[in-house]
PDB file of N, CA and C in Angstrom:
ATOM      1  N   MET A   1     114.586  91.833 112.459  1.00  0.00           N
ATOM      2  CA  MET A   1     113.560  90.959 112.970  1.00  0.00           C
ATOM      3  C   MET A   1     112.885  90.290 111.782  1.00  0.00           C
ATOM      4  N   ILE A   2     112.474  89.051 111.988  1.00  0.00           N
ATOM      5  CA  ILE A   2     111.789  88.304 110.935  1.00  0.00           C
ATOM      6  C   ILE A   2     110.515  87.677 111.495  1.00  0.00           C
ATOM      7  N   GLN A   3     109.464  87.761 110.727  1.00  0.00           N
ATOM      8  CA  GLN A   3     108.220  87.063 111.027  1.00  0.00           C
ATOM      9  C   GLN A   3     108.126  85.959 109.983  1.00  0.00           C
ATOM     10  N   TYR A   4     108.278  84.714 110.419  1.00  0.00           N
ATOM     11  CA  TYR A   4     108.330  83.588 109.499  1.00  0.00           C
ATOM     12  C   TYR A   4     107.075  82.732 109.633  1.00  0.00           C
ATOM     13  N   HIS A   5     106.438  82.431 108.515  1.00  0.00           N
ATOM     14  CA  HIS A   5     105.233  81.594 108.474  1.00  0.00           C
ATOM     15  C   HIS A   5     105.600  80.254 107.846  1.00  0.00           C
ATOM     16  N   HIS A   6     105.652  79.228 108.655  1.00  0.00           N
ATOM     17  CA  HIS A   6     105.987  77.921 108.099  1.00  0.00           C
ATOM     18  C   HIS A   6     104.781  77.314 107.418  1.00  0.00           C
ATOM     19  N   GLY A   7     105.036  76.423 106.491  1.00  0.00           N
ATOM     20  CA  GLY A   7     103.977  75.846 105.674  1.00  0.00           C
ATOM     21  C   GLY A   7     103.422  74.539 106.193  1.00  0.00           C
ATOM     22  N   ILE A   8     103.817  74.118 107.364  1.00  0.00           N
ATOM     23  CA  ILE A   8     103.403  72.822 107.889  1.00  0.00           C
ATOM     24  C   ILE A   8     101.883  72.726 108.002  1.00  0.00           C
ATOM     25  N   GLY A   9     101.351  71.632 107.536  1.00  0.00           N
ATOM     26  CA  GLY A   9      99.933  71.369 107.687  1.00  0.00           C
ATOM     27  C   GLY A   9      99.055  71.910 106.574  1.00  0.00           C
ATOM     28  N   TRP A  10      99.594  72.723 105.667  1.00  0.00           N
ATOM     29  CA  TRP A  10      98.754  73.256 104.587  1.00  0.00           C
ATOM     30  C   TRP A  10      98.452  72.129 103.608  1.00  0.00           C
ATOM     31  N   VAL A  11      99.466  71.511 103.063  1.00  0.00           N
ATOM     32  CA  VAL A  11      99.289  70.379 102.166  1.00  0.00           C
ATOM     33  C   VAL A  11     100.269  69.268 102.510  1.00  0.00           C
ATOM     34  N   PHE A  12     101.544  69.602 102.562  1.00  0.00           N
ATOM     35  CA  PHE A  12     102.594  68.635 102.849  1.00  0.00           C
ATOM     36  C   PHE A  12     103.441  69.135 104.002  1.00  0.00           C
ATOM     37  N   GLY A  13     104.259  68.264 104.524  1.00  0.00           N
ATOM     38  CA  GLY A  13     105.201  68.680 105.558  1.00  0.00           C
ATOM     39  C   GLY A  13     104.961  67.957 106.863  1.00  0.00           C
ATOM     40  N   SER A  14     105.919  68.101 107.728  1.00  0.00           N
ATOM     41  CA  SER A  14     105.823  67.512 109.059  1.00  0.00           C
ATOM     42  C   SER A  14     106.730  68.318 109.982  1.00  0.00           C
ATOM     43  N   PRO A  15     106.534  68.180 111.292  1.00  0.00           N
ATOM     44  CA  PRO A  15     107.400  68.918 112.219  1.00  0.00           C
ATOM     45  C   PRO A  15     108.881  68.645 112.004  1.00  0.00           C
ATOM     46  N   SER A  16     109.235  67.425 111.614  1.00  0.00           N
ATOM     47  CA  SER A  16     110.651  67.103 111.437  1.00  0.00           C
ATOM     48  C   SER A  16     111.282  67.902 110.292  1.00  0.00           C
ATOM     49  N   ILE A  17     110.501  68.288 109.296  1.00  0.00           N
ATOM     50  CA  ILE A  17     111.018  69.072 108.182  1.00  0.00           C
ATOM     51  C   ILE A  17     111.393  70.477 108.636  1.00  0.00           C
ATOM     52  N   TYR A  18     110.609  71.064 109.515  1.00  0.00           N
ATOM     53  CA  TYR A  18     110.789  72.452 109.915  1.00  0.00           C
ATOM     54  C   TYR A  18     111.507  72.630 111.246  1.00  0.00           C
ATOM     55  N   ASP A  19     111.739  71.573 111.970  1.00  0.00           N
ATOM     56  CA  ASP A  19     112.255  71.680 113.329  1.00  0.00           C
ATOM     57  C   ASP A  19     113.528  72.513 113.416  1.00  0.00           C
ATOM     58  N   ARG A  20     114.544  72.179 112.654  1.00  0.00           N
ATOM     59  CA  ARG A  20     115.821  72.892 112.755  1.00  0.00           C
ATOM     60  C   ARG A  20     115.684  74.365 112.348  1.00  0.00           C
ATOM     61  N   LEU A  21     115.009  74.629 111.237  1.00  0.00           N
ATOM     62  CA  LEU A  21     114.828  76.000 110.765  1.00  0.00           C
ATOM     63  C   LEU A  21     114.113  76.853 111.807  1.00  0.00           C
ATOM     64  N   ILE A  22     113.012  76.354 112.319  1.00  0.00           N
ATOM     65  CA  ILE A  22     112.232  77.129 113.281  1.00  0.00           C
ATOM     66  C   ILE A  22     113.012  77.330 114.573  1.00  0.00           C
ATOM     67  N   ARG A  23     113.721  76.312 115.016  1.00  0.00           N
ATOM     68  CA  ARG A  23     114.537  76.468 116.233  1.00  0.00           C
ATOM     69  C   ARG A  23     115.603  77.542 116.047  1.00  0.00           C
ATOM     70  N   GLU A  24     116.245  77.569 114.888  1.00  0.00           N
ATOM     71  CA  GLU A  24     117.281  78.575 114.643  1.00  0.00           C
ATOM     72  C   GLU A  24     116.685  79.977 114.539  1.00  0.00           C
ATOM     73  N   LEU A  25     115.525  80.096 113.927  1.00  0.00           N
ATOM     74  CA  LEU A  25     114.876  81.399 113.831  1.00  0.00           C
ATOM     75  C   LEU A  25     114.347  81.879 115.184  1.00  0.00           C
ATOM     76  N   ALA A  26     113.973  80.944 116.036  1.00  0.00           N
ATOM     77  CA  ALA A  26     113.325  81.298 117.297  1.00  0.00           C
ATOM     78  C   ALA A  26     114.273  81.471 118.477  1.00  0.00           C
ATOM     79  N   VAL A  27     115.568  81.359 118.256  1.00  0.00           N
ATOM     80  CA  VAL A  27     116.522  81.528 119.357  1.00  0.00           C
ATOM     81  C   VAL A  27     116.277  82.890 120.001  1.00  0.00           C
ATOM     82  N   GLY A  28     115.999  82.881 121.274  1.00  0.00           N
ATOM     83  CA  GLY A  28     115.759  84.120 122.003  1.00  0.00           C
ATOM     84  C   GLY A  28     114.352  84.663 121.860  1.00  0.00           C
ATOM     85  N   ALA A  29     113.505  83.982 121.117  1.00  0.00           N
ATOM     86  CA  ALA A  29     112.132  84.447 120.920  1.00  0.00           C
ATOM     87  C   ALA A  29     111.188  83.694 121.849  1.00  0.00           C
ATOM     88  N   ASP A  30     109.997  84.216 121.993  1.00  0.00           N
ATOM     89  CA  ASP A  30     108.949  83.568 122.777  1.00  0.00           C
ATOM     90  C   ASP A  30     107.745  83.400 121.858  1.00  0.00           C
ATOM     91  N   PRO A  31     107.770  82.374 120.982  1.00  0.00           N
ATOM     92  CA  PRO A  31     106.696  82.236 120.005  1.00  0.00           C
ATOM     93  C   PRO A  31     105.348  81.962 120.664  1.00  0.00           C
ATOM     94  N   ASP A  32     104.329  82.557 120.091  1.00  0.00           N
ATOM     95  CA  ASP A  32     102.961  82.394 120.568  1.00  0.00           C
ATOM     96  C   ASP A  32     102.068  82.315 119.332  1.00  0.00           C
ATOM     97  N   PHE A  33     101.366  81.202 119.171  1.00  0.00           N
ATOM     98  CA  PHE A  33     100.533  81.054 117.990  1.00  0.00           C
ATOM     99  C   PHE A  33      99.377  80.130 118.280  1.00  0.00           C
ATOM    100  N   SER A  34      98.331  80.248 117.475  1.00  0.00           N
ATOM    101  CA  SER A  34      97.166  79.384 117.601  1.00  0.00           C
ATOM    102  C   SER A  34      97.406  78.115 116.786  1.00  0.00           C
ATOM    103  N   LEU A  35      96.766  77.048 117.202  1.00  0.00           N
ATOM    104  CA  LEU A  35      96.944  75.761 116.539  1.00  0.00           C
ATOM    105  C   LEU A  35      95.684  75.358 115.774  1.00  0.00           C
ATOM    106  N   SER A  36      95.891  74.704 114.651  1.00  0.00           N
ATOM    107  CA  SER A  36      94.779  74.125 113.901  1.00  0.00           C
ATOM    108  C   SER A  36      94.547  72.714 114.426  1.00  0.00           C
ATOM    109  N   PRO A  37      93.395  72.170 114.359  1.00  0.00           N
ATOM    110  CA  PRO A  37      92.192  72.686 113.715  1.00  0.00           C
ATOM    111  C   PRO A  37      91.318  73.544 114.628  1.00  0.00           C
ATOM    112  N   GLU A  38      91.715  73.755 115.890  1.00  0.00           N
ATOM    113  CA  GLU A  38      90.894  74.556 116.797  1.00  0.00           C
ATOM    114  C   GLU A  38      90.721  75.985 116.283  1.00  0.00           C
ATOM    115  N   ALA A  39      91.785  76.562 115.778  1.00  0.00           N
ATOM    116  CA  ALA A  39      91.736  77.923 115.240  1.00  0.00           C
ATOM    117  C   ALA A  39      91.314  77.838 113.774  1.00  0.00           C
ATOM    118  N   LYS A  40      90.087  78.169 113.513  1.00  0.00           N
ATOM    119  CA  LYS A  40      89.535  78.053 112.156  1.00  0.00           C
ATOM    120  C   LYS A  40      89.949  79.237 111.283  1.00  0.00           C
ATOM    121  N   PHE A  41      89.989  79.003 109.969  1.00  0.00           N
ATOM    122  CA  PHE A  41      90.268  80.059 108.997  1.00  0.00           C
ATOM    123  C   PHE A  41      89.286  81.194 109.202  1.00  0.00           C
ATOM    124  N   PRO A  42      89.736  82.402 109.197  1.00  0.00           N
ATOM    125  CA  PRO A  42      91.027  82.997 108.882  1.00  0.00           C
ATOM    126  C   PRO A  42      91.844  83.395 110.116  1.00  0.00           C
ATOM    127  N   ALA A  43      91.748  82.646 111.197  1.00  0.00           N
ATOM    128  CA  ALA A  43      92.445  83.001 112.439  1.00  0.00           C
ATOM    129  C   ALA A  43      93.951  83.179 112.235  1.00  0.00           C
ATOM    130  N   ALA A  44      94.583  82.303 111.475  1.00  0.00           N
ATOM    131  CA  ALA A  44      96.031  82.398 111.274  1.00  0.00           C
ATOM    132  C   ALA A  44      96.405  83.658 110.498  1.00  0.00           C
ATOM    133  N   ILE A  45      95.619  84.008 109.501  1.00  0.00           N
ATOM    134  CA  ILE A  45      95.907  85.212 108.716  1.00  0.00           C
ATOM    135  C   ILE A  45      95.692  86.457 109.564  1.00  0.00           C
ATOM    136  N   ARG A  46      94.613  86.483 110.329  1.00  0.00           N
ATOM    137  CA  ARG A  46      94.377  87.630 111.214  1.00  0.00           C
ATOM    138  C   ARG A  46      95.485  87.757 112.257  1.00  0.00           C
ATOM    139  N   GLY A  47      95.911  86.628 112.810  1.00  0.00           N
ATOM    140  CA  GLY A  47      96.982  86.649 113.800  1.00  0.00           C
ATOM    141  C   GLY A  47      98.301  87.116 113.217  1.00  0.00           C
ATOM    142  N   SER A  48      98.610  86.667 112.011  1.00  0.00           N
ATOM    143  CA  SER A  48      99.873  87.076 111.393  1.00  0.00           C
ATOM    144  C   SER A  48      99.842  88.558 111.032  1.00  0.00           C
ATOM    145  N   TYR A  49      98.703  89.050 110.597  1.00  0.00           N
ATOM    146  CA  TYR A  49      98.580  90.478 110.278  1.00  0.00           C
ATOM    147  C   TYR A  49      98.723  91.328 111.540  1.00  0.00           C
ATOM    148  N   ALA A  50      98.076  90.903 112.613  1.00  0.00           N
ATOM    149  CA  ALA A  50      98.186  91.635 113.882  1.00  0.00           C
ATOM    150  C   ALA A  50      99.628  91.641 114.387  1.00  0.00           C
ATOM    151  N   THR A  51     100.313  90.527 114.219  1.00  0.00           N
ATOM    152  CA  THR A  51     101.715  90.446 114.632  1.00  0.00           C
ATOM    153  C   THR A  51     102.578  91.390 113.806  1.00  0.00           C
ATOM    154  N   ALA A  52     102.370  91.407 112.498  1.00  0.00           N
ATOM    155  CA  ALA A  52     103.144  92.298 111.625  1.00  0.00           C
ATOM    156  C   ALA A  52     102.895  93.761 111.990  1.00  0.00           C
ATOM    157  N   ARG A  53     101.656  94.113 112.291  1.00  0.00           N
ATOM    158  CA  ARG A  53     101.355  95.493 112.706  1.00  0.00           C
ATOM    159  C   ARG A  53     102.044  95.825 114.021  1.00  0.00           C
ATOM    160  N   TRP A  54     102.053  94.868 114.952  1.00  0.00           N
ATOM    161  CA  TRP A  54     102.703  95.092 116.239  1.00  0.00           C
ATOM    162  C   TRP A  54     104.204  95.273 116.051  1.00  0.00           C
ATOM    163  N   ILE A  55     104.821  94.393 115.262  1.00  0.00           N
ATOM    164  CA  ILE A  55     106.257  94.500 115.015  1.00  0.00           C
ATOM    165  C   ILE A  55     106.564  95.815 114.303  1.00  0.00           C
ATOM    166  N   GLY A  56     105.786  96.155 113.292  1.00  0.00           N
ATOM    167  CA  GLY A  56     105.996  97.399 112.560  1.00  0.00           C
ATOM    168  C   GLY A  56     105.825  98.631 113.436  1.00  0.00           C
ATOM    169  N   GLY A  57     104.972  98.537 114.437  1.00  0.00           N
ATOM    170  CA  GLY A  57     104.749  99.642 115.359  1.00  0.00           C
ATOM    171  C   GLY A  57     105.895  99.850 116.325  1.00  0.00           C
ATOM    172  N   GLU A  58     106.812  98.903 116.370  1.00  0.00           N
ATOM    173  CA  GLU A  58     107.967  99.019 117.254  1.00  0.00           C
ATOM    174  C   GLU A  58     109.058  99.894 116.634  1.00  0.00           C
ATOM    175  N   ALA A  59     108.789 100.522 115.505  1.00  0.00           N
ATOM    176  CA  ALA A  59     109.724 101.416 114.813  1.00  0.00           C
ATOM    177  C   ALA A  59     111.063 100.746 114.516  1.00  0.00           C
ATOM    178  N   LEU A  60     110.989  99.531 114.015  1.00  0.00           N
ATOM    179  CA  LEU A  60     112.205  98.823 113.639  1.00  0.00           C
ATOM    180  C   LEU A  60     112.713  99.344 112.311  1.00  0.00           C
ATOM    181  N   SER A  61     114.002  99.415 112.188  1.00  0.00           N
ATOM    182  CA  SER A  61     114.554  99.858 110.914  1.00  0.00           C
ATOM    183  C   SER A  61     114.605  98.718 109.898  1.00  0.00           C
ATOM    184  N   ARG A  62     114.618  97.454 110.391  1.00  0.00           N
ATOM    185  CA  ARG A  62     114.661  96.303 109.490  1.00  0.00           C
ATOM    186  C   ARG A  62     113.656  95.262 109.976  1.00  0.00           C
ATOM    187  N   PHE A  63     112.759  94.871 109.070  1.00  0.00           N
ATOM    188  CA  PHE A  63     111.715  93.906 109.398  1.00  0.00           C
ATOM    189  C   PHE A  63     111.391  93.126 108.136  1.00  0.00           C
ATOM    190  N   ALA A  64     111.388  91.805 108.235  1.00  0.00           N
ATOM    191  CA  ALA A  64     111.085  90.954 107.089  1.00  0.00           C
ATOM    192  C   ALA A  64     109.962  89.997 107.426  1.00  0.00           C
ATOM    193  N   VAL A  65     109.131  89.715 106.443  1.00  0.00           N
ATOM    194  CA  VAL A  65     108.085  88.705 106.557  1.00  0.00           C
ATOM    195  C   VAL A  65     108.414  87.647 105.520  1.00  0.00           C
ATOM    196  N   ALA A  66     108.484  86.397 105.947  1.00  0.00           N
ATOM    197  CA  ALA A  66     108.861  85.313 105.044  1.00  0.00           C
ATOM    198  C   ALA A  66     108.027  84.079 105.343  1.00  0.00           C
ATOM    199  N   GLY A  67     108.033  83.137 104.404  1.00  0.00           N
ATOM    200  CA  GLY A  67     107.328  81.888 104.613  1.00  0.00           C
ATOM    201  C   GLY A  67     107.475  80.982 103.411  1.00  0.00           C
ATOM    202  N   ASP A  68     107.018  79.752 103.584  1.00  0.00           N
ATOM    203  CA  ASP A  68     107.024  78.803 102.469  1.00  0.00           C
ATOM    204  C   ASP A  68     105.709  78.047 102.460  1.00  0.00           C
ATOM    205  N   SER A  69     105.365  77.518 101.310  1.00  0.00           N
ATOM    206  CA  SER A  69     104.129  76.767 101.125  1.00  0.00           C
ATOM    207  C   SER A  69     102.945  77.606 101.597  1.00  0.00           C
ATOM    208  N   GLY A  70     102.120  77.076 102.478  1.00  0.00           N
ATOM    209  CA  GLY A  70     100.983  77.819 103.004  1.00  0.00           C
ATOM    210  C   GLY A  70     101.398  79.083 103.723  1.00  0.00           C
ATOM    211  N   GLY A  71     102.549  79.029 104.387  1.00  0.00           N
ATOM    212  CA  GLY A  71     103.081  80.208 105.057  1.00  0.00           C
ATOM    213  C   GLY A  71     103.464  81.300 104.081  1.00  0.00           C
ATOM    214  N   GLY A  72     103.952  80.904 102.916  1.00  0.00           N
ATOM    215  CA  GLY A  72     104.256  81.880 101.873  1.00  0.00           C
ATOM    216  C   GLY A  72     102.986  82.563 101.387  1.00  0.00           C
ATOM    217  N   THR A  73     101.911  81.817 101.297  1.00  0.00           N
ATOM    218  CA  THR A  73     100.623  82.403 100.920  1.00  0.00           C
ATOM    219  C   THR A  73     100.185  83.400 101.970  1.00  0.00           C
ATOM    220  N   MET A  74     100.345  83.047 103.232  1.00  0.00           N
ATOM    221  CA  MET A  74      99.936  83.961 104.305  1.00  0.00           C
ATOM    222  C   MET A  74     100.726  85.259 104.278  1.00  0.00           C
ATOM    223  N   THR A  75     101.984  85.222 103.884  1.00  0.00           N
ATOM    224  CA  THR A  75     102.779  86.452 103.862  1.00  0.00           C
ATOM    225  C   THR A  75     102.281  87.433 102.815  1.00  0.00           C
ATOM    226  N   SER A  76     101.568  86.938 101.829  1.00  0.00           N
ATOM    227  CA  SER A  76     101.075  87.814 100.781  1.00  0.00           C
ATOM    228  C   SER A  76      99.705  88.414 101.095  1.00  0.00           C
ATOM    229  N   CYS A  77      99.106  87.984 102.181  1.00  0.00           N
ATOM    230  CA  CYS A  77      97.761  88.478 102.542  1.00  0.00           C
ATOM    231  C   CYS A  77      97.798  89.814 103.235  1.00  0.00           C
TER     232      CYS A  77
END
């Protein structure tokens, strides 16, 4: 399982840059996330941490957290 944090909207990027990657990662998934600017900082970091705890609590033998740009920063929090 992978928890991927895309960097769209942090500084650079657009949906067209991430569309194919996110679609391939999300095959069979039911993504649920808050949107900016309605979700103010640190909502995204709290949400990603809660998700990682939930995934980790599922006793998975393999779990990865990844991201790029702003998403890469979030993975380190």
